Amino acid sequence: MPLEARWLIVAVWMAIIYWFSDQPNSSEVTAMVFYNHNFLMRKLAHVTEFAILFSLCRCAIAATLTNAPDSNTQGLRLSKQSAWALIISISYAFFDEWHQSVVPGRSSSTVDVGIDSIGPILVIALMALSKSIAAFRSRATS
């Protein structure tokens, strides 16, 4: 996939998050669907959308560095790629909360930034777990 397409996908996903955040009084609308589970479902949606944003950013960063002409950046470690993707994701979570503060019927909270940040952190934890399992299996078969 071309490098520009990867970053375009990141931008489109950010636009989708923006669009969802731009819906006035959205809690009342989702309450009609989820009833007593409205709070939980809305928070899970935020965790999921920011986990996806993190994953898309990480893929775009990895592709960017692979295509970089500077040989010093080509070997950027996975942890640094994840760190940059985490910074982008959390920064967008702050922007998203600010944006919600100006939308009628929406509120803004730094606690929600923390909830949004759970998504990327879960992806990082799953990546680390996957790497550990692969290393364990590799040692077990050697």
N, C-alpha and C. Protein backbone atom coordinates (compact mmCIF):
# COMPACT_ATOMS: atom_id res chain seq x y z
N MET A 1 0.85 -1.18 0.00
CA MET A 1 0.00 0.00 0.00
C MET A 1 0.89 1.24 0.00
N PRO A 2 0.58 2.21 -0.85
CA PRO A 2 1.40 3.42 -0.89
C PRO A 2 1.39 4.15 0.46
N LEU A 3 2.50 4.79 0.73
CA LEU A 3 2.67 5.51 2.00
C LEU A 3 1.58 6.56 2.21
N GLU A 4 1.27 7.30 1.16
CA GLU A 4 0.26 8.35 1.27
C GLU A 4 -1.10 7.76 1.65
N ALA A 5 -1.39 6.58 1.15
CA ALA A 5 -2.67 5.93 1.45
C ALA A 5 -2.77 5.58 2.93
N ARG A 6 -1.65 5.16 3.51
CA ARG A 6 -1.66 4.83 4.94
C ARG A 6 -2.00 6.06 5.79
N TRP A 7 -1.38 7.19 5.46
CA TRP A 7 -1.66 8.42 6.21
C TRP A 7 -3.05 8.95 5.90
N LEU A 8 -3.54 8.71 4.68
CA LEU A 8 -4.90 9.10 4.34
C LEU A 8 -5.90 8.32 5.19
N ILE A 9 -5.64 7.04 5.40
CA ILE A 9 -6.52 6.22 6.24
C ILE A 9 -6.53 6.76 7.67
N VAL A 10 -5.36 7.16 8.18
CA VAL A 10 -5.29 7.76 9.52
C VAL A 10 -6.16 9.02 9.55
N ALA A 11 -6.03 9.87 8.55
CA ALA A 11 -6.81 11.12 8.50
C ALA A 11 -8.31 10.84 8.40
N VAL A 12 -8.68 9.85 7.61
CA VAL A 12 -10.10 9.50 7.49
C VAL A 12 -10.63 8.99 8.83
N TRP A 13 -9.84 8.15 9.53
CA TRP A 13 -10.29 7.65 10.83
C TRP A 13 -10.45 8.80 11.83
N MET A 14 -9.51 9.76 11.80
CA MET A 14 -9.64 10.93 12.67
C MET A 14 -10.91 11.71 12.33
N ALA A 15 -11.23 11.81 11.05
CA ALA A 15 -12.44 12.51 10.63
C ALA A 15 -13.69 11.77 11.12
N ILE A 16 -13.64 10.45 11.11
CA ILE A 16 -14.78 9.67 11.63
C ILE A 16 -14.95 9.91 13.12
N ILE A 17 -13.86 9.91 13.87
CA ILE A 17 -13.94 10.21 15.31
C ILE A 17 -14.51 11.61 15.51
N TYR A 18 -14.04 12.56 14.72
CA TYR A 18 -14.53 13.94 14.81
C TYR A 18 -16.03 13.98 14.55
N TRP A 19 -16.47 13.27 13.52
CA TRP A 19 -17.89 13.27 13.16
C TRP A 19 -18.74 12.71 14.31
N PHE A 20 -18.30 11.59 14.89
CA PHE A 20 -19.05 11.03 16.02
C PHE A 20 -19.09 12.01 17.19
N SER A 21 -18.00 12.70 17.43
CA SER A 21 -17.95 13.66 18.54
C SER A 21 -18.76 14.91 18.26
N ASP A 22 -19.07 15.14 17.02
CA ASP A 22 -19.79 16.35 16.61
C ASP A 22 -21.31 16.19 16.70
N GLN A 23 -21.77 15.01 17.13
CA GLN A 23 -23.21 14.76 17.21
C GLN A 23 -23.77 15.33 18.51
N PRO A 24 -24.67 16.33 18.41
CA PRO A 24 -25.25 16.92 19.62
C PRO A 24 -26.10 15.89 20.39
N ASN A 25 -26.04 15.96 21.70
CA ASN A 25 -26.88 15.12 22.56
C ASN A 25 -26.80 13.64 22.22
N SER A 26 -25.64 13.17 21.84
CA SER A 26 -25.53 11.77 21.38
C SER A 26 -25.80 10.76 22.48
N SER A 27 -25.58 11.14 23.72
CA SER A 27 -25.84 10.21 24.82
C SER A 27 -27.31 9.83 24.89
N GLU A 28 -28.19 10.79 24.65
CA GLU A 28 -29.62 10.49 24.67
C GLU A 28 -30.00 9.56 23.53
N VAL A 29 -29.37 9.73 22.38
CA VAL A 29 -29.66 8.88 21.22
C VAL A 29 -29.21 7.45 21.48
N THR A 30 -27.98 7.29 21.97
CA THR A 30 -27.50 5.92 22.22
C THR A 30 -28.21 5.27 23.40
N ALA A 31 -28.73 6.07 24.32
CA ALA A 31 -29.47 5.51 25.46
C ALA A 31 -30.73 4.79 24.99
N MET A 32 -31.31 5.24 23.89
CA MET A 32 -32.48 4.56 23.34
C MET A 32 -32.14 3.18 22.80
N VAL A 33 -30.88 2.97 22.45
CA VAL A 33 -30.44 1.69 21.90
C VAL A 33 -29.90 0.77 23.01
N PHE A 34 -29.07 1.33 23.87
CA PHE A 34 -28.35 0.51 24.86
C PHE A 34 -28.97 0.50 26.25
N TYR A 35 -29.97 1.34 26.49
CA TYR A 35 -30.68 1.40 27.77
C TYR A 35 -29.71 1.48 28.96
N ASN A 36 -29.74 0.49 29.84
CA ASN A 36 -28.92 0.52 31.05
C ASN A 36 -27.43 0.34 30.78
N HIS A 37 -27.09 -0.10 29.60
CA HIS A 37 -25.68 -0.34 29.25
C HIS A 37 -25.08 0.82 28.46
N ASN A 38 -25.79 1.93 28.39
CA ASN A 38 -25.35 3.07 27.58
C ASN A 38 -23.95 3.56 27.96
N PHE A 39 -23.72 3.79 29.25
CA PHE A 39 -22.42 4.31 29.69
C PHE A 39 -21.29 3.37 29.29
N LEU A 40 -21.47 2.08 29.60
CA LEU A 40 -20.44 1.09 29.28
C LEU A 40 -20.18 1.01 27.77
N MET A 41 -21.23 0.96 26.99
CA MET A 41 -21.07 0.85 25.53
C MET A 41 -20.38 2.08 24.94
N ARG A 42 -20.72 3.25 25.44
CA ARG A 42 -20.09 4.47 24.93
C ARG A 42 -18.59 4.50 25.28
N LYS A 43 -18.25 4.08 26.48
CA LYS A 43 -16.83 4.07 26.87
C LYS A 43 -16.06 3.00 26.10
N LEU A 44 -16.68 1.83 25.88
CA LEU A 44 -16.03 0.79 25.08
C LEU A 44 -15.83 1.26 23.64
N ALA A 45 -16.78 2.03 23.13
CA ALA A 45 -16.63 2.58 21.78
C ALA A 45 -15.42 3.51 21.71
N HIS A 46 -15.24 4.34 22.73
CA HIS A 46 -14.09 5.24 22.76
C HIS A 46 -12.78 4.46 22.85
N VAL A 47 -12.73 3.45 23.68
CA VAL A 47 -11.52 2.62 23.79
C VAL A 47 -11.21 2.01 22.44
N THR A 48 -12.24 1.48 21.78
CA THR A 48 -12.05 0.82 20.48
C THR A 48 -11.60 1.79 19.41
N GLU A 49 -12.24 2.95 19.32
CA GLU A 49 -11.88 3.88 18.24
C GLU A 49 -10.45 4.41 18.41
N PHE A 50 -9.99 4.57 19.64
CA PHE A 50 -8.62 5.04 19.84
C PHE A 50 -7.60 3.90 19.74
N ALA A 51 -8.02 2.66 19.98
CA ALA A 51 -7.15 1.50 19.71
C ALA A 51 -6.92 1.40 18.20
N ILE A 52 -7.97 1.60 17.43
CA ILE A 52 -7.85 1.57 15.97
C ILE A 52 -6.98 2.72 15.50
N LEU A 53 -7.18 3.92 16.04
CA LEU A 53 -6.35 5.06 15.65
C LEU A 53 -4.88 4.78 15.92
N PHE A 54 -4.58 4.25 17.10
CA PHE A 54 -3.20 3.91 17.44
C PHE A 54 -2.63 2.92 16.42
N SER A 55 -3.37 1.88 16.11
CA SER A 55 -2.89 0.84 15.19
C SER A 55 -2.64 1.42 13.80
N LEU A 56 -3.55 2.25 13.33
CA LEU A 56 -3.37 2.88 12.02
C LEU A 56 -2.15 3.81 12.01
N CYS A 57 -1.98 4.59 13.08
CA CYS A 57 -0.82 5.48 13.19
C CYS A 57 0.48 4.68 13.21
N ARG A 58 0.49 3.61 13.97
CA ARG A 58 1.70 2.80 14.08
C ARG A 58 2.08 2.21 12.73
N CYS A 59 1.10 1.73 11.98
CA CYS A 59 1.38 1.19 10.63
C CYS A 59 1.90 2.28 9.70
N ALA A 60 1.30 3.46 9.78
CA ALA A 60 1.76 4.56 8.92
C ALA A 60 3.16 5.01 9.29
N ILE A 61 3.45 5.06 10.58
CA ILE A 61 4.79 5.44 11.03
C ILE A 61 5.82 4.40 10.57
N ALA A 62 5.49 3.14 10.74
CA ALA A 62 6.41 2.07 10.32
C ALA A 62 6.69 2.16 8.82
N ALA A 63 5.66 2.40 8.02
CA ALA A 63 5.84 2.52 6.57
C ALA A 63 6.64 3.76 6.21
N THR A 64 6.40 4.85 6.92
CA THR A 64 7.14 6.09 6.67
C THR A 64 8.62 5.87 6.94
N LEU A 65 8.95 5.23 8.04
CA LEU A 65 10.35 5.02 8.40
C LEU A 65 11.02 4.01 7.49
N THR A 66 10.28 3.05 7.01
CA THR A 66 10.84 2.06 6.08
C THR A 66 11.22 2.74 4.77
N ASN A 67 10.42 3.73 4.36
CA ASN A 67 10.66 4.43 3.10
C ASN A 67 11.57 5.66 3.25
N ALA A 68 12.01 5.93 4.48
CA ALA A 68 12.84 7.13 4.71
C ALA A 68 14.21 6.97 4.08
N PRO A 69 14.68 8.02 3.41
CA PRO A 69 16.00 7.93 2.78
C PRO A 69 17.15 7.92 3.79
N ASP A 70 16.92 8.45 4.98
CA ASP A 70 17.95 8.51 6.01
C ASP A 70 18.09 7.14 6.66
N SER A 71 19.21 6.50 6.49
CA SER A 71 19.39 5.14 7.01
C SER A 71 19.33 5.07 8.53
N ASN A 72 19.55 6.19 9.20
CA ASN A 72 19.49 6.19 10.66
C ASN A 72 18.08 5.98 11.18
N THR A 73 17.06 6.40 10.42
CA THR A 73 15.68 6.26 10.89
C THR A 73 15.07 4.93 10.48
N GLN A 74 15.68 4.22 9.54
CA GLN A 74 15.09 2.96 9.08
C GLN A 74 15.07 1.92 10.18
N GLY A 75 16.00 1.98 11.09
CA GLY A 75 16.06 0.98 12.14
C GLY A 75 15.35 1.38 13.42
N LEU A 76 14.46 2.38 13.34
CA LEU A 76 13.76 2.82 14.54
C LEU A 76 13.05 1.63 15.17
N ARG A 77 13.28 1.45 16.44
CA ARG A 77 12.73 0.29 17.15
C ARG A 77 11.22 0.35 17.23
N LEU A 78 10.63 -0.83 17.35
CA LEU A 78 9.18 -0.93 17.44
C LEU A 78 8.64 -0.14 18.61
N SER A 79 9.38 -0.11 19.71
CA SER A 79 8.90 0.64 20.88
C SER A 79 8.81 2.13 20.58
N LYS A 80 9.74 2.65 19.80
CA LYS A 80 9.68 4.07 19.44
C LYS A 80 8.54 4.33 18.46
N GLN A 81 8.28 3.39 17.56
CA GLN A 81 7.13 3.54 16.66
C GLN A 81 5.84 3.59 17.49
N SER A 82 5.76 2.70 18.45
CA SER A 82 4.58 2.67 19.32
C SER A 82 4.48 3.95 20.15
N ALA A 83 5.62 4.45 20.61
CA ALA A 83 5.61 5.67 21.41
C ALA A 83 5.07 6.84 20.59
N TRP A 84 5.52 6.97 19.35
CA TRP A 84 5.03 8.06 18.50
C TRP A 84 3.55 7.89 18.18
N ALA A 85 3.13 6.66 17.93
CA ALA A 85 1.71 6.41 17.67
C ALA A 85 0.88 6.72 18.91
N LEU A 86 1.41 6.41 20.08
CA LEU A 86 0.73 6.71 21.34
C LEU A 86 0.60 8.22 21.53
N ILE A 87 1.66 8.95 21.25
CA ILE A 87 1.63 10.42 21.37
C ILE A 87 0.57 11.01 20.44
N ILE A 88 0.53 10.53 19.21
CA ILE A 88 -0.47 11.03 18.26
C ILE A 88 -1.89 10.71 18.75
N SER A 89 -2.09 9.48 19.19
CA SER A 89 -3.42 9.04 19.63
C SER A 89 -3.90 9.83 20.85
N ILE A 90 -3.04 9.98 21.84
CA ILE A 90 -3.45 10.71 23.05
C ILE A 90 -3.63 12.20 22.75
N SER A 91 -2.80 12.74 21.89
CA SER A 91 -2.98 14.15 21.50
C SER A 91 -4.33 14.34 20.82
N TYR A 92 -4.71 13.38 19.99
CA TYR A 92 -6.01 13.49 19.33
C TYR A 92 -7.14 13.30 20.34
N ALA A 93 -6.92 12.49 21.36
CA ALA A 93 -7.93 12.32 22.42
C ALA A 93 -8.15 13.66 23.14
N PHE A 94 -7.08 14.40 23.41
CA PHE A 94 -7.22 15.73 24.02
C PHE A 94 -7.99 16.67 23.09
N PHE A 95 -7.64 16.64 21.80
CA PHE A 95 -8.35 17.48 20.84
C PHE A 95 -9.83 17.09 20.78
N ASP A 96 -10.10 15.79 20.79
CA ASP A 96 -11.48 15.30 20.74
C ASP A 96 -12.29 15.79 21.94
N GLU A 97 -11.69 15.77 23.11
CA GLU A 97 -12.39 16.25 24.30
C GLU A 97 -12.62 17.75 24.22
N TRP A 98 -11.64 18.50 23.74
CA TRP A 98 -11.85 19.94 23.56
C TRP A 98 -13.00 20.17 22.58
N HIS A 99 -12.99 19.43 21.47
CA HIS A 99 -14.05 19.57 20.47
C HIS A 99 -15.42 19.29 21.08
N GLN A 100 -15.52 18.26 21.90
CA GLN A 100 -16.79 17.93 22.53
C GLN A 100 -17.28 19.05 23.46
N SER A 101 -16.34 19.81 24.00
CA SER A 101 -16.72 20.90 24.91
C SER A 101 -17.49 22.01 24.20
N VAL A 102 -17.39 22.10 22.89
CA VAL A 102 -18.09 23.14 22.14
C VAL A 102 -19.30 22.61 21.38
N VAL A 103 -19.60 21.32 21.54
CA VAL A 103 -20.76 20.72 20.86
C VAL A 103 -21.94 20.72 21.83
N PRO A 104 -23.10 21.24 21.39
CA PRO A 104 -24.27 21.28 22.28
C PRO A 104 -24.64 19.88 22.79
N GLY A 105 -24.89 19.81 24.08
CA GLY A 105 -25.30 18.54 24.68
C GLY A 105 -24.17 17.57 24.92
N ARG A 106 -22.94 18.00 24.68
CA ARG A 106 -21.77 17.15 24.94
C ARG A 106 -20.97 17.78 26.06
N SER A 107 -20.17 16.96 26.73
CA SER A 107 -19.31 17.48 27.79
C SER A 107 -17.89 17.01 27.54
N SER A 108 -16.98 17.65 28.23
CA SER A 108 -15.56 17.35 28.07
C SER A 108 -14.99 16.97 29.43
N SER A 109 -14.09 15.97 29.43
CA SER A 109 -13.51 15.52 30.68
C SER A 109 -12.12 14.95 30.44
N THR A 110 -11.19 15.31 31.32
CA THR A 110 -9.86 14.71 31.21
C THR A 110 -9.91 13.23 31.56
N VAL A 111 -10.90 12.81 32.33
CA VAL A 111 -11.08 11.38 32.62
C VAL A 111 -11.35 10.63 31.32
N ASP A 112 -12.10 11.26 30.42
CA ASP A 112 -12.38 10.62 29.13
C ASP A 112 -11.11 10.47 28.28
N VAL A 113 -10.18 11.41 28.42
CA VAL A 113 -8.90 11.26 27.73
C VAL A 113 -8.20 10.00 28.25
N GLY A 114 -8.27 9.79 29.55
CA GLY A 114 -7.70 8.57 30.14
C GLY A 114 -8.38 7.32 29.61
N ILE A 115 -9.71 7.37 29.49
CA ILE A 115 -10.45 6.22 28.95
C ILE A 115 -10.07 5.99 27.50
N ASP A 116 -9.98 7.07 26.72
CA ASP A 116 -9.56 6.95 25.32
C ASP A 116 -8.17 6.33 25.22
N SER A 117 -7.30 6.66 26.17
CA SER A 117 -5.91 6.17 26.16
C SER A 117 -5.81 4.69 26.47
N ILE A 118 -6.84 4.13 27.07
CA ILE A 118 -6.82 2.69 27.37
C ILE A 118 -6.71 1.88 26.07
N GLY A 119 -7.34 2.36 25.00
CA GLY A 119 -7.30 1.64 23.72
C GLY A 119 -5.88 1.40 23.22
N PRO A 120 -5.10 2.47 23.03
CA PRO A 120 -3.72 2.27 22.59
C PRO A 120 -2.89 1.44 23.57
N ILE A 121 -3.10 1.64 24.86
CA ILE A 121 -2.34 0.88 25.86
C ILE A 121 -2.67 -0.60 25.78
N LEU A 122 -3.94 -0.93 25.53
CA LEU A 122 -4.31 -2.34 25.34
C LEU A 122 -3.63 -2.95 24.12
N VAL A 123 -3.57 -2.19 23.03
CA VAL A 123 -2.91 -2.69 21.83
C VAL A 123 -1.43 -2.94 22.11
N ILE A 124 -0.78 -2.01 22.81
CA ILE A 124 0.63 -2.19 23.16
C ILE A 124 0.80 -3.44 24.03
N ALA A 125 -0.09 -3.62 25.00
CA ALA A 125 -0.01 -4.81 25.87
C ALA A 125 -0.21 -6.10 25.07
N LEU A 126 -1.15 -6.08 24.14
CA LEU A 126 -1.37 -7.27 23.31
C LEU A 126 -0.18 -7.56 22.41
N MET A 127 0.45 -6.50 21.89
CA MET A 127 1.65 -6.69 21.07
C MET A 127 2.78 -7.28 21.91
N ALA A 128 2.96 -6.80 23.12
CA ALA A 128 4.00 -7.33 24.01
C ALA A 128 3.71 -8.77 24.38
N LEU A 129 2.45 -9.07 24.66
CA LEU A 129 2.07 -10.45 24.99
C LEU A 129 2.32 -11.37 23.81
N SER A 130 1.96 -10.93 22.63
CA SER A 130 2.18 -11.72 21.43
C SER A 130 3.66 -11.99 21.21
N LYS A 131 4.47 -10.97 21.41
CA LYS A 131 5.92 -11.12 21.26
C LYS A 131 6.47 -12.10 22.30
N SER A 132 5.99 -12.03 23.53
CA SER A 132 6.44 -12.94 24.59
C SER A 132 6.04 -14.37 24.28
N ILE A 133 4.83 -14.57 23.80
CA ILE A 133 4.37 -15.91 23.46
C ILE A 133 5.20 -16.48 22.31
N ALA A 134 5.48 -15.65 21.31
CA ALA A 134 6.30 -16.10 20.18
C ALA A 134 7.71 -16.47 20.65
N ALA A 135 8.29 -15.68 21.55
CA ALA A 135 9.63 -15.99 22.07
C ALA A 135 9.60 -17.28 22.89
N PHE A 136 8.56 -17.47 23.68
CA PHE A 136 8.43 -18.69 24.48
C PHE A 136 8.31 -19.91 23.59
N ARG A 137 7.50 -19.81 22.55
CA ARG A 137 7.33 -20.94 21.61
C ARG A 137 8.63 -21.23 20.88
N SER A 138 9.36 -20.17 20.56
CA SER A 138 10.62 -20.34 19.86
C SER A 138 11.63 -21.08 20.74
N ARG A 139 11.67 -20.73 22.02
CA ARG A 139 12.57 -21.41 22.97
C ARG A 139 12.13 -22.84 23.19
N ALA A 140 10.82 -23.06 23.24
CA ALA A 140 10.29 -24.40 23.51
C ALA A 140 10.58 -25.37 22.37
N THR A 141 10.61 -24.86 21.14
CA THR A 141 10.87 -25.74 20.00
C THR A 141 12.35 -25.88 19.69
N SER A 142 13.19 -25.09 20.33
CA SER A 142 14.64 -25.16 20.05
C SER A 142 15.31 -26.27 20.81
